[in-house]
Amino acid sequence: MIYRKLGNTEIEVSIIGLGTMTWGQQNNRCEAFEQMDFALSKGVNLFDAAEMYPVPPMEETQGDTERFIGDWIAQTGRRSEIILATKVAGRSNDMRYIRGGPRLDADQIRSAVEGSLTRLKTDYIDLYQVHWPERATNFFGRRGYVHIEKDDSISIQETLSALHDLVDEGLIRNIGISNETPWGLNKYLRESENGALSKVISIQNVYNLLSRQFEVGLAEISMREGVGLLAYSPLAFGLLTGKYMNDKYPQGSRLSLFKRFSRYGSEECKFATNEYSKIAKQYGLSLTQMSLAFVLSQSFVSSCLIGATSIDQLKENIDAVDVKLSDDAMKQISEIHNKYPDPAP
């Protein structure tokens, strides 16, 4: 396993991180335990969760992912061996079952942290992340920015101040953000520049061969300011494994079970995936290996978060750490990217 510094801290995280959003929906408790045991045996030390998991979010399953992790920690006693990350839900009218509708004010953030600590059966969280912005902006695949000057959102300053207080109390050790824009990240950094408030050390955004918008704006801020990317959805909801090629939807696959996930459903995504598959075959790689190796090759990536529903998938994903793409392969990937630039938002 390869390890990289998390942002500008001395925390070393495995370049492959374990995503957990299927636990409690597509994976049961036993399977989640098996994945955690296997990942840790392979040197994976970053486990990433969220209070709203599993996905798709539902009232009857909310928090189950964290409960599985907490049960594993209690059973194994291996808390000190992992970097444990989780997230507080942002503003949402669809999740009124979470605190009557989650917001990012001080009272709700404290309540969220206390709930996560209880479910995770731990007394501290290594990395606590804002899952998505409070304000009205573009995230989760939204295109076409529409500016709303005043939308009664909780300010970033108030949110960061609340998180800073929890750092002072030792309930959380570091702060991260997720699904943020360049403006949002820059605003968090400005609020902490005088040292009065804790600095965010990571940003968890989508990044894969079909969605490389992070490279425009955010990558430079990430590198210059020491805010590491935790790249999520590196396989584009499984599209970049090749299993959905030729409009096939295997039984039990995520996109066959949950039709609501349409982020990677465009014809351009399908065309680009087919072209990337040809490159992988040319170099004797699976599309999965090549797709993950591309993400891992980026210097602004602190860790690539992979999620799997089987141990075989998890093994293939983790083994991608040993794949190195040649200059010729990277050139061909760039040519396809230029032909189909960011087909997924």
Protein backbone atom coordinates (compact mmCIF):
# COMPACT_ATOMS: atom_id res chain seq x y z
CA MET A 1 0.00 0.00 0.00
CA ILE A 2 1.08 3.58 -0.66
CA TYR A 3 0.40 6.35 1.87
CA ARG A 4 0.09 10.07 1.36
CA LYS A 5 -0.20 13.01 3.72
CA LEU A 6 -3.77 14.15 4.27
CA GLY A 7 -3.66 17.78 3.17
CA ASN A 8 -0.94 19.68 4.98
CA THR A 9 -1.11 17.48 8.09
CA GLU A 10 1.19 14.71 9.24
CA ILE A 11 -1.67 12.20 8.98
CA GLU A 12 -0.79 9.42 6.54
CA VAL A 13 -3.73 7.86 4.74
CA SER A 14 -3.72 4.94 2.35
CA ILE A 15 -3.99 6.07 -1.25
CA ILE A 16 -6.95 3.70 -1.46
CA GLY A 17 -9.70 4.54 1.03
CA LEU A 18 -12.70 2.39 1.90
CA GLY A 19 -16.06 3.86 0.94
CA THR A 20 -19.01 2.51 2.90
CA MET A 21 -22.24 3.86 1.47
CA THR A 22 -23.57 0.44 0.40
CA TRP A 23 -23.46 -0.96 3.94
CA GLY A 24 -26.98 -1.38 5.25
CA GLN A 25 -28.51 -1.44 1.77
CA GLN A 26 -26.58 -3.56 -0.73
CA ASN A 27 -24.31 -5.07 1.94
CA ASN A 28 -25.35 -6.53 5.27
CA ARG A 29 -23.49 -6.31 8.59
CA CYS A 30 -21.51 -9.51 8.03
CA GLU A 31 -20.36 -8.39 4.58
CA ALA A 32 -19.36 -4.97 5.94
CA PHE A 33 -17.24 -6.66 8.62
CA GLU A 34 -15.62 -8.84 5.95
CA GLN A 35 -14.77 -5.77 3.85
CA MET A 36 -13.25 -3.90 6.80
CA ASP A 37 -11.15 -6.90 7.82
CA PHE A 38 -9.93 -7.45 4.27
CA ALA A 39 -9.20 -3.78 3.55
CA LEU A 40 -7.21 -3.37 6.76
CA SER A 41 -5.24 -6.52 5.99
CA LYS A 42 -4.22 -4.89 2.69
CA GLY A 43 -3.04 -1.70 4.36
CA VAL A 44 -6.16 0.41 3.80
CA ASN A 45 -6.45 2.65 6.87
CA LEU A 46 -9.01 5.29 5.78
CA PHE A 47 -12.68 4.38 6.30
CA ASP A 48 -15.17 6.97 5.07
CA ALA A 49 -18.82 7.10 6.17
CA ALA A 50 -21.65 9.62 6.63
CA GLU A 51 -24.56 10.06 9.00
CA MET A 52 -27.05 9.72 6.11
CA TYR A 53 -25.62 6.42 4.79
CA PRO A 54 -26.49 3.97 3.34
CA VAL A 55 -27.38 5.27 -0.11
CA PRO A 56 -30.00 5.75 -1.37
CA PRO A 57 -30.96 7.58 1.82
CA MET A 58 -34.08 6.36 3.62
CA GLU A 59 -35.43 6.98 7.10
CA GLU A 60 -35.54 3.29 7.99
CA THR A 61 -31.85 2.71 7.19
CA GLN A 62 -30.32 6.09 8.12
CA GLY A 63 -27.26 5.62 10.31
CA ASP A 64 -26.90 1.88 9.70
CA THR A 65 -23.53 2.28 7.97
CA GLU A 66 -22.05 4.01 11.01
CA ARG A 67 -23.65 1.38 13.28
CA PHE A 68 -21.92 -1.40 11.34
CA ILE A 69 -18.57 0.36 11.70
CA GLY A 70 -19.18 0.93 15.40
CA ASP A 71 -20.03 -2.72 15.94
CA TRP A 72 -16.84 -3.73 14.11
CA ILE A 73 -14.76 -1.36 16.24
CA ALA A 74 -16.32 -2.73 19.42
CA GLN A 75 -15.77 -6.33 18.32
CA THR A 76 -12.22 -6.00 17.00
CA GLY A 77 -10.76 -3.26 19.18
CA ARG A 78 -8.89 -1.89 16.15
CA ARG A 79 -10.01 1.74 16.39
CA SER A 80 -6.45 3.05 16.68
CA GLU A 81 -5.47 1.39 13.38
CA ILE A 82 -7.86 3.38 11.20
CA ILE A 83 -8.41 6.97 10.17
CA LEU A 84 -12.16 7.29 10.66
CA ALA A 85 -14.01 9.85 8.57
CA THR A 86 -17.70 10.68 8.50
CA LYS A 87 -19.95 13.54 7.43
CA VAL A 88 -22.74 15.81 8.60
CA ALA A 89 -25.66 16.11 6.18
CA GLY A 90 -26.15 19.48 4.55
CA ARG A 91 -29.43 21.32 4.12
CA SER A 92 -32.15 19.12 2.67
CA ASN A 93 -35.93 19.19 2.44
CA ASP A 94 -35.95 15.48 1.55
CA MET A 95 -34.39 14.33 4.83
CA ARG A 96 -36.68 15.76 7.45
CA TYR A 97 -36.19 12.56 9.40
CA ILE A 98 -32.69 13.86 10.22
CA ARG A 99 -33.14 16.46 12.97
CA GLY A 100 -36.35 17.75 11.37
CA GLY A 101 -34.37 18.76 8.29
CA PRO A 102 -30.57 19.01 8.51
CA ARG A 103 -28.90 22.42 8.68
CA LEU A 104 -25.31 23.45 9.29
CA ASP A 105 -25.75 25.59 12.39
CA ALA A 106 -23.95 25.03 15.69
CA ASP A 107 -26.74 23.15 17.47
CA GLN A 108 -27.37 20.77 14.59
CA ILE A 109 -23.69 20.09 13.97
CA ARG A 110 -23.17 19.23 17.63
CA SER A 111 -26.20 16.96 17.58
CA ALA A 112 -24.92 15.29 14.40
CA VAL A 113 -21.46 14.67 15.85
CA GLU A 114 -22.87 13.24 19.06
CA GLY A 115 -25.13 10.91 17.06
CA SER A 116 -22.24 9.72 14.89
CA LEU A 117 -19.99 9.14 17.91
CA THR A 118 -22.68 7.00 19.52
CA ARG A 119 -23.27 4.92 16.39
CA LEU A 120 -19.54 4.59 15.69
CA LYS A 121 -18.84 3.56 19.30
CA THR A 122 -15.86 5.89 19.55
CA ASP A 123 -15.05 9.05 21.46
CA TYR A 124 -13.45 10.93 18.56
CA ILE A 125 -13.69 11.26 14.78
CA ASP A 126 -10.45 11.75 12.85
CA LEU A 127 -11.98 13.66 9.94
CA TYR A 128 -15.41 15.28 10.15
CA GLN A 129 -16.72 16.59 6.84
CA VAL A 130 -19.54 18.84 5.68
CA HIS A 131 -21.32 16.54 3.23
CA TRP A 132 -22.62 19.29 0.94
CA PRO A 133 -23.00 23.08 1.12
CA GLU A 134 -25.75 24.84 3.02
CA ARG A 135 -26.16 27.51 0.35
CA ALA A 136 -27.83 27.11 -3.04
CA THR A 137 -25.04 26.21 -5.47
CA ASN A 138 -23.99 23.48 -7.87
CA PHE A 139 -23.29 20.00 -6.49
CA PHE A 140 -24.36 16.38 -7.04
CA GLY A 141 -24.22 16.78 -10.82
CA ARG A 142 -26.12 20.03 -11.20
CA ARG A 143 -25.16 22.10 -14.23
CA GLY A 144 -26.08 25.68 -15.10
CA TYR A 145 -25.35 27.89 -12.09
CA VAL A 146 -28.18 30.20 -11.03
CA HIS A 147 -27.11 32.85 -8.55
CA ILE A 148 -29.26 33.50 -5.48
CA GLU A 149 -27.87 36.43 -3.51
CA LYS A 150 -29.82 35.82 -0.29
CA ASP A 151 -31.12 32.32 0.41
CA ASP A 152 -31.23 32.37 4.26
CA SER A 153 -28.42 29.82 4.41
CA ILE A 154 -26.18 29.34 7.43
CA SER A 155 -22.91 31.14 6.75
CA ILE A 156 -19.67 29.25 6.21
CA GLN A 157 -18.19 31.27 9.08
CA GLU A 158 -20.86 29.98 11.48
CA THR A 159 -20.45 26.40 10.27
CA LEU A 160 -16.66 26.50 10.55
CA SER A 161 -16.84 28.11 13.98
CA ALA A 162 -19.11 25.31 15.21
CA LEU A 163 -16.72 22.68 13.84
CA HIS A 164 -13.74 24.48 15.38
CA ASP A 165 -15.38 24.31 18.81
CA LEU A 166 -15.72 20.54 18.44
CA VAL A 167 -12.04 20.30 17.51
CA ASP A 168 -11.18 22.24 20.69
CA GLU A 169 -13.26 19.76 22.69
CA GLY A 170 -11.51 16.78 21.10
CA LEU A 171 -14.68 15.28 19.64
CA ILE A 172 -13.31 15.71 16.13
CA ARG A 173 -9.67 16.06 15.18
CA ASN A 174 -9.79 17.55 11.68
CA ILE A 175 -12.29 19.25 9.40
CA GLY A 176 -13.07 18.49 5.78
CA ILE A 177 -15.64 19.57 3.23
CA SER A 178 -17.34 17.73 0.40
CA ASN A 179 -19.11 18.50 -2.88
CA GLU A 180 -17.76 22.05 -2.73
CA THR A 181 -16.99 24.64 -5.37
CA PRO A 182 -13.79 26.69 -5.76
CA TRP A 183 -15.56 29.67 -4.17
CA GLY A 184 -16.72 27.57 -1.23
CA LEU A 185 -13.29 26.10 -0.54
CA ASN A 186 -11.69 29.53 -0.83
CA LYS A 187 -14.23 30.96 1.61
CA TYR A 188 -13.46 28.27 4.20
CA LEU A 189 -9.75 29.02 3.80
CA ARG A 190 -10.24 32.79 4.19
CA GLU A 191 -12.24 32.28 7.38
CA SER A 192 -9.34 30.38 8.94
CA GLU A 193 -6.41 32.38 7.60
CA ASN A 194 -5.84 34.39 10.80
CA GLY A 195 -5.53 31.19 12.82
CA ALA A 196 -8.60 31.77 14.96
CA LEU A 197 -10.54 28.94 13.31
CA SER A 198 -9.39 25.49 12.23
CA LYS A 199 -8.35 25.06 8.62
CA VAL A 200 -10.05 22.47 6.42
CA ILE A 201 -7.56 19.79 5.42
CA SER A 202 -9.50 17.88 2.79
CA ILE A 203 -12.18 18.13 0.15
CA GLN A 204 -14.18 15.11 -0.96
CA ASN A 205 -15.47 15.63 -4.49
CA VAL A 206 -16.28 13.41 -7.43
CA TYR A 207 -13.31 12.66 -9.68
CA ASN A 208 -13.04 10.06 -12.42
CA LEU A 209 -12.36 9.70 -16.15
CA LEU A 210 -15.88 10.90 -16.95
CA SER A 211 -15.91 13.77 -14.48
CA ARG A 212 -12.68 15.75 -14.28
CA GLN A 213 -14.06 19.18 -13.36
CA PHE A 214 -11.93 19.17 -10.20
CA GLU A 215 -8.92 19.89 -12.41
CA VAL A 216 -10.37 23.32 -13.28
CA GLY A 217 -9.86 25.64 -10.31
CA LEU A 218 -10.07 23.23 -7.41
CA ALA A 219 -6.89 21.29 -8.22
CA GLU A 220 -4.74 24.41 -8.02
CA ILE A 221 -6.28 25.51 -4.71
CA SER A 222 -5.85 21.98 -3.40
CA MET A 223 -2.16 21.91 -4.21
CA ARG A 224 -1.29 25.47 -3.19
CA GLU A 225 -3.27 25.44 0.06
CA GLY A 226 -2.59 21.87 1.17
CA VAL A 227 -6.17 20.61 0.99
CA GLY A 228 -6.09 17.00 -0.17
CA LEU A 229 -8.71 15.54 -2.48
CA LEU A 230 -10.57 12.46 -1.31
CA ALA A 231 -11.80 11.38 -4.71
CA TYR A 232 -15.19 9.72 -4.59
CA SER A 233 -16.98 7.77 -7.31
CA PRO A 234 -13.69 6.95 -9.11
CA LEU A 235 -15.53 4.26 -11.10
CA ALA A 236 -18.52 6.46 -11.94
CA PHE A 237 -21.11 4.33 -10.13
CA GLY A 238 -19.67 1.25 -11.79
CA LEU A 239 -19.84 2.55 -15.35
CA LEU A 240 -16.03 2.54 -15.53
CA THR A 241 -15.90 -1.16 -14.66
CA GLY A 242 -17.42 -1.88 -18.07
CA LYS A 243 -20.29 -3.92 -16.66
CA TYR A 244 -22.92 -1.59 -18.12
CA MET A 245 -21.48 -1.54 -21.65
CA ASN A 246 -23.88 -2.29 -24.50
CA ASP A 247 -26.74 -1.16 -22.22
CA LYS A 248 -26.45 -4.23 -20.02
CA TYR A 249 -27.61 -3.88 -16.41
CA PRO A 250 -26.52 -6.94 -14.41
CA GLN A 251 -28.96 -8.16 -11.80
CA GLY A 252 -28.18 -6.71 -8.40
CA SER A 253 -25.96 -3.92 -9.77
CA ARG A 254 -26.43 -0.43 -8.37
CA LEU A 255 -27.84 1.10 -11.54
CA SER A 256 -30.29 -1.77 -12.00
CA LEU A 257 -31.50 -1.46 -8.41
CA PHE A 258 -31.65 2.32 -8.17
CA LYS A 259 -32.84 4.04 -11.34
CA ARG A 260 -32.64 7.46 -9.66
CA PHE A 261 -28.87 7.60 -10.21
CA SER A 262 -28.64 9.21 -13.65
CA ARG A 263 -25.42 11.22 -13.33
CA TYR A 264 -23.57 8.92 -15.71
CA GLY A 265 -26.48 8.08 -17.98
CA SER A 266 -25.71 10.28 -20.98
CA GLU A 267 -24.86 8.89 -24.39
CA GLU A 268 -21.56 10.75 -24.21
CA CYS A 269 -20.66 8.84 -21.04
CA LYS A 270 -21.36 5.57 -22.82
CA PHE A 271 -19.30 6.57 -25.88
CA ALA A 272 -16.37 7.71 -23.73
CA THR A 273 -16.48 4.55 -21.60
CA ASN A 274 -16.31 2.42 -24.72
CA GLU A 275 -13.23 4.33 -25.92
CA TYR A 276 -11.52 4.08 -22.54
CA SER A 277 -12.22 0.35 -22.52
CA LYS A 278 -10.31 -0.04 -25.78
CA ILE A 279 -7.27 1.69 -24.27
CA ALA A 280 -7.36 -0.57 -21.22
CA LYS A 281 -7.54 -3.67 -23.40
CA GLN A 282 -4.61 -2.44 -25.48
CA TYR A 283 -2.42 -2.37 -22.35
CA GLY A 284 -3.68 -5.64 -20.89
CA LEU A 285 -5.64 -3.95 -18.11
CA SER A 286 -9.23 -4.16 -16.97
CA LEU A 287 -11.17 -0.93 -17.37
CA THR A 288 -11.48 -0.86 -13.57
CA GLN A 289 -7.71 -1.02 -13.10
CA MET A 290 -7.02 1.69 -15.65
CA SER A 291 -9.72 3.99 -14.31
CA LEU A 292 -8.45 3.74 -10.74
CA ALA A 293 -4.79 4.00 -11.79
CA PHE A 294 -5.62 7.27 -13.56
CA VAL A 295 -7.12 8.76 -10.39
CA LEU A 296 -4.25 7.50 -8.25
CA SER A 297 -1.71 9.11 -10.57
CA GLN A 298 -2.91 12.63 -9.76
CA SER A 299 -0.72 14.53 -7.29
CA PHE A 300 -3.67 16.41 -5.78
CA VAL A 301 -5.36 13.16 -4.71
CA SER A 302 -4.72 12.22 -1.07
CA SER A 303 -6.89 9.11 -1.28
CA CYS A 304 -9.20 7.45 -3.78
CA LEU A 305 -12.37 6.19 -2.09
CA ILE A 306 -13.55 2.89 -3.48
CA GLY A 307 -16.78 1.13 -2.68
CA ALA A 308 -17.49 -2.50 -3.47
CA THR A 309 -20.28 -4.94 -2.86
CA SER A 310 -18.09 -8.05 -2.94
CA ILE A 311 -14.62 -9.03 -1.77
CA ASP A 312 -13.61 -9.86 -5.35
CA GLN A 313 -14.46 -6.30 -6.40
CA LEU A 314 -12.69 -4.89 -3.37
CA LYS A 315 -9.54 -6.91 -4.13
CA GLU A 316 -9.43 -5.75 -7.75
CA ASN A 317 -9.88 -2.15 -6.64
CA ILE A 318 -7.15 -2.31 -4.01
CA ASP A 319 -4.76 -4.08 -6.40
CA ALA A 320 -4.97 -1.06 -8.71
CA VAL A 321 -2.45 0.59 -6.42
CA ASP A 322 0.22 -1.46 -8.22
CA VAL A 323 -0.83 -0.36 -11.72
CA LYS A 324 1.22 2.39 -13.33
CA LEU A 325 0.03 3.91 -16.60
CA SER A 326 2.61 4.59 -19.28
CA ASP A 327 3.07 7.98 -20.90
CA ASP A 328 1.52 6.60 -24.08
CA ALA A 329 -1.54 5.37 -22.19
CA MET A 330 -1.95 8.77 -20.50
CA LYS A 331 -1.66 10.47 -23.88
CA GLN A 332 -4.41 8.29 -25.30
CA ILE A 333 -6.59 8.98 -22.28
CA SER A 334 -6.10 12.70 -22.86
CA GLU A 335 -7.16 12.32 -26.47
CA ILE A 336 -10.43 10.67 -25.43
CA HIS A 337 -10.97 13.34 -22.79
CA ASN A 338 -10.54 16.04 -25.42
CA LYS A 339 -13.08 14.24 -27.59
CA TYR A 340 -15.60 13.79 -24.75
CA PRO A 341 -14.71 16.49 -22.18
CA ASP A 342 -16.39 15.79 -18.83
CA PRO A 343 -19.53 14.06 -20.15
CA ALA A 344 -20.76 13.64 -16.56
CA PRO A 345 -21.32 16.70 -14.32
